[in-house]
């Protein structure tokens, strides 16, 4: 191994030598965050809709079970006051 190659191994790459430039519109406000939604690929919108419906159905099903099932104990029994 040549002596100069050993020194080059420990030098930062050209890309890492300079700081990452800040974005012009880093999302700080709600309106700026909503603008970043435009960058979502259109192919992911149906997937998001399906996931949202599945989560909504799960929440409804759990809530309905907690409210309507009389066999389920939601409080302790035989408490000594």
PDB file of N, CA and C in Angstrom:
ATOM      1  N   UNK A   1       0.855  -1.168   0.000  1.00  0.00           N
ATOM      2  CA  UNK A   1       0.000   0.000   0.000  1.00  0.00           C
ATOM      3  C   UNK A   1       0.903   1.234   0.000  1.00  0.00           C
ATOM      4  N   UNK A   2       0.556   2.167  -0.828  1.00  0.00           N
ATOM      5  CA  UNK A   2       1.319   3.406  -0.949  1.00  0.00           C
ATOM      6  C   UNK A   2       1.011   4.318   0.244  1.00  0.00           C
ATOM      7  N   UNK A   3       1.976   5.083   0.752  1.00  0.00           N
ATOM      8  CA  UNK A   3       1.728   5.913   1.938  1.00  0.00           C
ATOM      9  C   UNK A   3       0.622   6.945   1.741  1.00  0.00           C
ATOM     10  N   UNK A   4       0.457   7.480   0.546  1.00  0.00           N
ATOM     11  CA  UNK A   4      -0.586   8.505   0.356  1.00  0.00           C
ATOM     12  C   UNK A   4      -1.979   7.894   0.344  1.00  0.00           C
ATOM     13  N   UNK A   5      -2.137   6.650  -0.044  1.00  0.00           N
ATOM     14  CA  UNK A   5      -3.471   6.036  -0.030  1.00  0.00           C
ATOM     15  C   UNK A   5      -3.942   5.799   1.406  1.00  0.00           C
ATOM     16  N   UNK A   6      -3.013   5.537   2.319  1.00  0.00           N
ATOM     17  CA  UNK A   6      -3.401   5.347   3.717  1.00  0.00           C
ATOM     18  C   UNK A   6      -3.930   6.650   4.310  1.00  0.00           C
ATOM     19  N   UNK A   7      -3.357   7.779   3.917  1.00  0.00           N
ATOM     20  CA  UNK A   7      -3.826   9.073   4.408  1.00  0.00           C
ATOM     21  C   UNK A   7      -5.180   9.410   3.809  1.00  0.00           C
ATOM     22  N   UNK A   8      -5.384   9.083   2.541  1.00  0.00           N
ATOM     23  CA  UNK A   8      -6.662   9.393   1.874  1.00  0.00           C
ATOM     24  C   UNK A   8      -7.820   8.595   2.445  1.00  0.00           C
ATOM     25  N   UNK A   9      -7.547   7.470   3.046  1.00  0.00           N
ATOM     26  CA  UNK A   9      -8.626   6.664   3.609  1.00  0.00           C
ATOM     27  C   UNK A   9      -9.330   7.392   4.739  1.00  0.00           C
ATOM     28  N   UNK A  10      -8.623   8.245   5.468  1.00  0.00           N
ATOM     29  CA  UNK A  10      -9.194   8.906   6.630  1.00  0.00           C
ATOM     30  C   UNK A  10      -9.679  10.316   6.336  1.00  0.00           C
ATOM     31  N   UNK A  11      -9.604  10.754   5.086  1.00  0.00           N
ATOM     32  CA  UNK A  11     -10.104  12.072   4.723  1.00  0.00           C
ATOM     33  C   UNK A  11     -11.586  11.970   4.392  1.00  0.00           C
ATOM     34  N   UNK A  12     -12.364  12.994   4.735  1.00  0.00           N
ATOM     35  CA  UNK A  12     -13.789  12.942   4.382  1.00  0.00           C
ATOM     36  C   UNK A  12     -13.971  13.020   2.872  1.00  0.00           C
ATOM     37  N   UNK A  13     -15.041  12.416   2.414  1.00  0.00           N
ATOM     38  CA  UNK A  13     -15.319  12.502   0.986  1.00  0.00           C
ATOM     39  C   UNK A  13     -15.704  13.925   0.628  1.00  0.00           C
ATOM     40  N   UNK A  14     -15.650  14.240  -0.634  1.00  0.00           N
ATOM     41  CA  UNK A  14     -15.926  15.606  -1.081  1.00  0.00           C
ATOM     42  C   UNK A  14     -17.344  16.033  -0.698  1.00  0.00           C
ATOM     43  N   UNK A  15     -18.265  15.088  -0.756  1.00  0.00           N
ATOM     44  CA  UNK A  15     -19.654  15.391  -0.427  1.00  0.00           C
ATOM     45  C   UNK A  15     -19.819  15.715   1.054  1.00  0.00           C
ATOM     46  N   UNK A  16     -19.031  15.078   1.911  1.00  0.00           N
ATOM     47  CA  UNK A  16     -19.185  15.265   3.348  1.00  0.00           C
ATOM     48  C   UNK A  16     -18.421  16.474   3.874  1.00  0.00           C
ATOM     49  N   UNK A  17     -17.615  17.110   3.047  1.00  0.00           N
ATOM     50  CA  UNK A  17     -16.808  18.236   3.511  1.00  0.00           C
ATOM     51  C   UNK A  17     -17.622  19.509   3.680  1.00  0.00           C
ATOM     52  N   UNK A  18     -18.738  19.613   2.976  1.00  0.00           N
ATOM     53  CA  UNK A  18     -19.532  20.836   2.999  1.00  0.00           C
ATOM     54  C   UNK A  18     -20.873  20.560   3.664  1.00  0.00           C
ATOM     55  N   UNK A  19     -21.438  21.536   4.382  1.00  0.00           N
ATOM     56  CA  UNK A  19     -22.728  21.301   5.049  1.00  0.00           C
ATOM     57  C   UNK A  19     -23.852  21.148   4.028  1.00  0.00           C
ATOM     58  N   UNK A  20     -24.890  20.473   4.456  1.00  0.00           N
ATOM     59  CA  UNK A  20     -26.055  20.274   3.599  1.00  0.00           C
ATOM     60  C   UNK A  20     -26.793  21.602   3.483  1.00  0.00           C
ATOM     61  N   UNK A  21     -27.126  22.047   2.272  1.00  0.00           N
ATOM     62  CA  UNK A  21     -27.843  23.327   2.153  1.00  0.00           C
ATOM     63  C   UNK A  21     -29.245  23.219   2.728  1.00  0.00           C
ATOM     64  N   UNK A  22     -29.687  24.302   3.379  1.00  0.00           N
ATOM     65  CA  UNK A  22     -31.028  24.314   3.957  1.00  0.00           C
ATOM     66  C   UNK A  22     -32.057  24.452   2.850  1.00  0.00           C
ATOM     67  N   UNK A  23     -33.176  23.807   3.045  1.00  0.00           N
ATOM     68  CA  UNK A  23     -34.258  23.936   2.070  1.00  0.00           C
ATOM     69  C   UNK A  23     -34.873  25.323   2.193  1.00  0.00           C
ATOM     70  N   UNK A  24     -35.406  25.811   1.082  1.00  0.00           N
ATOM     71  CA  UNK A  24     -36.022  27.131   1.102  1.00  0.00           C
ATOM     72  C   UNK A  24     -37.259  27.149   1.996  1.00  0.00           C
ATOM     73  N   UNK A  25     -38.042  26.077   1.928  1.00  0.00           N
ATOM     74  CA  UNK A  25     -39.273  26.045   2.709  1.00  0.00           C
ATOM     75  C   UNK A  25     -39.267  24.824   3.612  1.00  0.00           C
ATOM     76  N   UNK A  26     -38.490  24.871   4.657  1.00  0.00           N
ATOM     77  CA  UNK A  26     -38.572  23.796   5.630  1.00  0.00           C
ATOM     78  C   UNK A  26     -39.877  23.994   6.403  1.00  0.00           C
ATOM     79  N   UNK A  27     -40.611  22.914   6.599  1.00  0.00           N
ATOM     80  CA  UNK A  27     -41.981  23.012   7.102  1.00  0.00           C
ATOM     81  C   UNK A  27     -42.010  23.481   8.550  1.00  0.00           C
ATOM     82  N   UNK A  28     -42.375  24.737   8.762  1.00  0.00           N
ATOM     83  CA  UNK A  28     -42.505  25.288  10.102  1.00  0.00           C
ATOM     84  C   UNK A  28     -43.963  25.597  10.444  1.00  0.00           C
ATOM     85  N   UNK A  29     -44.725  26.056   9.475  1.00  0.00           N
ATOM     86  CA  UNK A  29     -46.116  26.391   9.744  1.00  0.00           C
ATOM     87  C   UNK A  29     -47.018  25.331   9.129  1.00  0.00           C
ATOM     88  N   UNK A  30     -48.287  25.376   9.497  1.00  0.00           N
ATOM     89  CA  UNK A  30     -49.229  24.379   8.992  1.00  0.00           C
ATOM     90  C   UNK A  30     -49.379  24.489   7.484  1.00  0.00           C
ATOM     91  N   UNK A  31     -49.451  25.707   6.971  1.00  0.00           N
ATOM     92  CA  UNK A  31     -49.620  25.858   5.522  1.00  0.00           C
ATOM     93  C   UNK A  31     -48.404  25.329   4.769  1.00  0.00           C
ATOM     94  N   UNK A  32     -47.220  25.502   5.349  1.00  0.00           N
ATOM     95  CA  UNK A  32     -46.031  24.964   4.692  1.00  0.00           C
ATOM     96  C   UNK A  32     -46.010  23.445   4.778  1.00  0.00           C
ATOM     97  N   UNK A  33     -46.516  22.905   5.883  1.00  0.00           N
ATOM     98  CA  UNK A  33     -46.584  21.449   5.982  1.00  0.00           C
ATOM     99  C   UNK A  33     -47.583  20.885   4.979  1.00  0.00           C
ATOM    100  N   UNK A  34     -48.696  21.589   4.764  1.00  0.00           N
ATOM    101  CA  UNK A  34     -49.677  21.119   3.786  1.00  0.00           C
ATOM    102  C   UNK A  34     -49.110  21.165   2.373  1.00  0.00           C
ATOM    103  N   UNK A  35     -48.230  22.122   2.103  1.00  0.00           N
ATOM    104  CA  UNK A  35     -47.600  22.177   0.784  1.00  0.00           C
ATOM    105  C   UNK A  35     -46.710  20.968   0.535  1.00  0.00           C
ATOM    106  N   UNK A  36     -46.145  20.406   1.599  1.00  0.00           N
ATOM    107  CA  UNK A  36     -45.290  19.236   1.412  1.00  0.00           C
ATOM    108  C   UNK A  36     -46.103  18.001   1.049  1.00  0.00           C
ATOM    109  N   UNK A  37     -47.424  18.015   1.304  1.00  0.00           N
ATOM    110  CA  UNK A  37     -48.262  16.875   0.919  1.00  0.00           C
ATOM    111  C   UNK A  37     -48.328  16.709  -0.588  1.00  0.00           C
ATOM    112  N   UNK A  38     -48.053  17.763  -1.325  1.00  0.00           N
ATOM    113  CA  UNK A  38     -48.074  17.669  -2.788  1.00  0.00           C
ATOM    114  C   UNK A  38     -46.952  16.786  -3.299  1.00  0.00           C
ATOM    115  N   UNK A  39     -45.946  16.549  -2.463  1.00  0.00           N
ATOM    116  CA  UNK A  39     -44.828  15.712  -2.894  1.00  0.00           C
ATOM    117  C   UNK A  39     -45.114  14.223  -2.726  1.00  0.00           C
ATOM    118  N   UNK A  40     -46.263  13.858  -2.155  1.00  0.00           N
ATOM    119  CA  UNK A  40     -46.611  12.448  -1.998  1.00  0.00           C
ATOM    120  C   UNK A  40     -46.929  11.880  -3.380  1.00  0.00           C
ATOM    121  N   UNK A  41     -46.323  10.761  -3.737  1.00  0.00           N
ATOM    122  CA  UNK A  41     -46.621  10.174  -5.045  1.00  0.00           C
ATOM    123  C   UNK A  41     -48.090   9.781  -5.146  1.00  0.00           C
ATOM    124  N   UNK A  42     -48.705  10.012  -6.300  1.00  0.00           N
ATOM    125  CA  UNK A  42     -50.138   9.697  -6.434  1.00  0.00           C
ATOM    126  C   UNK A  42     -50.457   8.213  -6.260  1.00  0.00           C
ATOM    127  N   UNK A  43     -49.468   7.358  -6.450  1.00  0.00           N
ATOM    128  CA  UNK A  43     -49.730   5.923  -6.294  1.00  0.00           C
ATOM    129  C   UNK A  43     -49.997   5.557  -4.840  1.00  0.00           C
ATOM    130  N   UNK A  44     -49.542   6.383  -3.894  1.00  0.00           N
ATOM    131  CA  UNK A  44     -49.711   6.048  -2.482  1.00  0.00           C
ATOM    132  C   UNK A  44     -51.038   6.520  -1.911  1.00  0.00           C
ATOM    133  N   UNK A  45     -51.783   7.342  -2.630  1.00  0.00           N
ATOM    134  CA  UNK A  45     -53.049   7.861  -2.117  1.00  0.00           C
ATOM    135  C   UNK A  45     -54.083   6.742  -1.932  1.00  0.00           C
ATOM    136  N   UNK A  46     -54.273   5.833  -2.896  1.00  0.00           N
ATOM    137  CA  UNK A  46     -55.223   4.729  -2.636  1.00  0.00           C
ATOM    138  C   UNK A  46     -54.795   3.845  -1.462  1.00  0.00           C
ATOM    139  N   UNK A  47     -53.504   3.628  -1.314  1.00  0.00           N
ATOM    140  CA  UNK A  47     -53.019   2.830  -0.186  1.00  0.00           C
ATOM    141  C   UNK A  47     -53.331   3.524   1.136  1.00  0.00           C
ATOM    142  N   UNK A  48     -53.121   4.829   1.195  1.00  0.00           N
ATOM    143  CA  UNK A  48     -53.448   5.586   2.403  1.00  0.00           C
ATOM    144  C   UNK A  48     -54.932   5.538   2.713  1.00  0.00           C
ATOM    145  N   UNK A  49     -55.761   5.590   1.666  1.00  0.00           N
ATOM    146  CA  UNK A  49     -57.212   5.517   1.864  1.00  0.00           C
ATOM    147  C   UNK A  49     -57.608   4.161   2.439  1.00  0.00           C
ATOM    148  N   UNK A  50     -57.038   3.093   1.898  1.00  0.00           N
ATOM    149  CA  UNK A  50     -57.369   1.747   2.375  1.00  0.00           C
ATOM    150  C   UNK A  50     -56.918   1.571   3.827  1.00  0.00           C
ATOM    151  N   UNK A  51     -55.731   2.066   4.154  1.00  0.00           N
ATOM    152  CA  UNK A  51     -55.239   1.956   5.526  1.00  0.00           C
ATOM    153  C   UNK A  51     -56.126   2.772   6.476  1.00  0.00           C
ATOM    154  N   UNK A  52     -56.545   3.961   6.044  1.00  0.00           N
ATOM    155  CA  UNK A  52     -57.406   4.797   6.882  1.00  0.00           C
ATOM    156  C   UNK A  52     -58.758   4.119   7.131  1.00  0.00           C
ATOM    157  N   UNK A  53     -59.329   3.490   6.115  1.00  0.00           N
ATOM    158  CA  UNK A  53     -60.602   2.781   6.284  1.00  0.00           C
ATOM    159  C   UNK A  53     -60.421   1.596   7.226  1.00  0.00           C
ATOM    160  N   UNK A  54     -59.305   0.872   7.096  1.00  0.00           N
ATOM    161  CA  UNK A  54     -59.068  -0.281   7.968  1.00  0.00           C
ATOM    162  C   UNK A  54     -58.899   0.151   9.424  1.00  0.00           C
ATOM    163  N   UNK A  55     -58.172   1.237   9.655  1.00  0.00           N
ATOM    164  CA  UNK A  55     -57.993   1.731  11.021  1.00  0.00           C
ATOM    165  C   UNK A  55     -59.323   2.222  11.582  1.00  0.00           C
ATOM    166  N   UNK A  56     -60.104   2.909  10.766  1.00  0.00           N
ATOM    167  CA  UNK A  56     -61.426   3.362  11.210  1.00  0.00           C
ATOM    168  C   UNK A  56     -62.338   2.205  11.557  1.00  0.00           C
ATOM    169  N   UNK A  57     -62.317   1.148  10.744  1.00  0.00           N
ATOM    170  CA  UNK A  57     -63.145  -0.023  11.036  1.00  0.00           C
ATOM    171  C   UNK A  57     -62.695  -0.709  12.312  1.00  0.00           C
ATOM    172  N   UNK A  58     -61.394  -0.757  12.542  1.00  0.00           N
ATOM    173  CA  UNK A  58     -60.889  -1.381  13.767  1.00  0.00           C
ATOM    174  C   UNK A  58     -61.298  -0.582  15.000  1.00  0.00           C
ATOM    175  N   UNK A  59     -61.208   0.729  14.928  1.00  0.00           N
ATOM    176  CA  UNK A  59     -61.611   1.575  16.060  1.00  0.00           C
ATOM    177  C   UNK A  59     -63.099   1.427  16.325  1.00  0.00           C
ATOM    178  N   UNK A  60     -63.904   1.418  15.258  1.00  0.00           N
ATOM    179  CA  UNK A  60     -65.352   1.246  15.428  1.00  0.00           C
ATOM    180  C   UNK A  60     -65.672  -0.120  16.042  1.00  0.00           C
ATOM    181  N   UNK A  61     -65.004  -1.150  15.553  1.00  0.00           N
ATOM    182  CA  UNK A  61     -65.272  -2.495  16.051  1.00  0.00           C
ATOM    183  C   UNK A  61     -64.902  -2.618  17.524  1.00  0.00           C
ATOM    184  N   UNK A  62     -63.751  -2.075  17.909  1.00  0.00           N
ATOM    185  CA  UNK A  62     -63.356  -2.134  19.318  1.00  0.00           C
ATOM    186  C   UNK A  62     -64.300  -1.319  20.192  1.00  0.00           C
ATOM    187  N   UNK A  63     -64.669  -0.145  19.737  1.00  0.00           N
ATOM    188  CA  UNK A  63     -65.591   0.686  20.509  1.00  0.00           C
ATOM    189  C   UNK A  63     -66.948   0.040  20.660  1.00  0.00           C
ATOM    190  N   UNK A  64     -67.430  -0.548  19.584  1.00  0.00           N
ATOM    191  CA  UNK A  64     -68.726  -1.223  19.628  1.00  0.00           C
ATOM    192  C   UNK A  64     -68.682  -2.414  20.587  1.00  0.00           C
ATOM    193  N   UNK A  65     -67.577  -3.151  20.577  1.00  0.00           N
ATOM    194  CA  UNK A  65     -67.432  -4.297  21.480  1.00  0.00           C
ATOM    195  C   UNK A  65     -67.413  -3.842  22.937  1.00  0.00           C
ATOM    196  N   UNK A  66     -66.699  -2.760  23.216  1.00  0.00           N
ATOM    197  CA  UNK A  66     -66.624  -2.273  24.596  1.00  0.00           C
ATOM    198  C   UNK A  66     -67.969  -1.759  25.098  1.00  0.00           C
ATOM    199  N   UNK A  67     -68.756  -1.166  24.217  1.00  0.00           N
ATOM    200  CA  UNK A  67     -70.020  -0.577  24.636  1.00  0.00           C
ATOM    201  C   UNK A  67     -71.129  -1.624  24.720  1.00  0.00           C
ATOM    202  N   UNK A  68     -71.171  -2.552  23.776  1.00  0.00           N
ATOM    203  CA  UNK A  68     -72.339  -3.435  23.688  1.00  0.00           C
ATOM    204  C   UNK A  68     -72.176  -4.775  24.398  1.00  0.00           C
ATOM    205  N   UNK A  69     -70.960  -5.228  24.679  1.00  0.00           N
ATOM    206  CA  UNK A  69     -70.770  -6.547  25.282  1.00  0.00           C
ATOM    207  C   UNK A  69     -71.001  -6.468  26.792  1.00  0.00           C
ATOM    208  N   UNK A  70     -72.040  -7.163  27.253  1.00  0.00           N
ATOM    209  CA  UNK A  70     -72.376  -7.130  28.677  1.00  0.00           C
ATOM    210  C   UNK A  70     -71.545  -8.134  29.472  1.00  0.00           C
ATOM    211  N   UNK A  71     -70.952  -9.095  28.816  1.00  0.00           N
ATOM    212  CA  UNK A  71     -70.150 -10.101  29.505  1.00  0.00           C
ATOM    213  C   UNK A  71     -68.768  -9.581  29.888  1.00  0.00           C
ATOM    214  N   UNK A  72     -68.321  -8.537  29.225  1.00  0.00           N
ATOM    215  CA  UNK A  72     -66.986  -8.013  29.479  1.00  0.00           C
ATOM    216  C   UNK A  72     -66.975  -7.171  30.745  1.00  0.00           C
ATOM    217  N   UNK A  73     -66.002  -7.456  31.623  1.00  0.00           N
ATOM    218  CA  UNK A  73     -65.873  -6.687  32.854  1.00  0.00           C
ATOM    219  C   UNK A  73     -65.000  -5.472  32.595  1.00  0.00           C
ATOM    220  N   UNK A  74     -65.530  -4.301  32.808  1.00  0.00           N
ATOM    221  CA  UNK A  74     -64.766  -3.080  32.629  1.00  0.00           C
ATOM    222  C   UNK A  74     -64.347  -2.476  33.961  1.00  0.00           C
ATOM    223  N   UNK A  75     -64.920  -2.970  35.057  1.00  0.00           N
ATOM    224  CA  UNK A  75     -64.543  -2.490  36.387  1.00  0.00           C
ATOM    225  C   UNK A  75     -64.267  -3.705  37.272  1.00  0.00           C
ATOM    226  N   UNK A  76     -63.603  -3.469  38.387  1.00  0.00           N
ATOM    227  CA  UNK A  76     -63.318  -4.539  39.336  1.00  0.00           C
ATOM    228  C   UNK A  76     -64.582  -4.942  40.077  1.00  0.00           C
ATOM    229  N   UNK A  77     -64.666  -6.197  40.404  1.00  0.00           N
ATOM    230  CA  UNK A  77     -65.792  -6.674  41.199  1.00  0.00           C
ATOM    231  C   UNK A  77     -65.315  -7.065  42.583  1.00  0.00           C
ATOM    232  N   UNK A  78     -66.250  -7.127  43.512  1.00  0.00           N
ATOM    233  CA  UNK A  78     -65.974  -7.521  44.894  1.00  0.00           C
ATOM    234  C   UNK A  78     -64.950  -6.607  45.555  1.00  0.00           C
ATOM    235  N   UNK A  79     -65.098  -5.330  45.342  1.00  0.00           N
ATOM    236  CA  UNK A  79     -64.188  -4.390  45.990  1.00  0.00           C
ATOM    237  C   UNK A  79     -64.632  -4.187  47.425  1.00  0.00           C
ATOM    238  N   UNK A  80     -63.708  -4.199  48.337  1.00  0.00           N
ATOM    239  CA  UNK A  80     -64.025  -3.956  49.737  1.00  0.00           C
ATOM    240  C   UNK A  80     -63.780  -2.487  50.033  1.00  0.00           C
ATOM    241  N   UNK A  81     -64.866  -1.797  50.350  1.00  0.00           N
ATOM    242  CA  UNK A  81     -64.755  -0.351  50.604  1.00  0.00           C
ATOM    243  C   UNK A  81     -64.424  -0.043  52.038  1.00  0.00           C
TER     244      UNK A  81
END
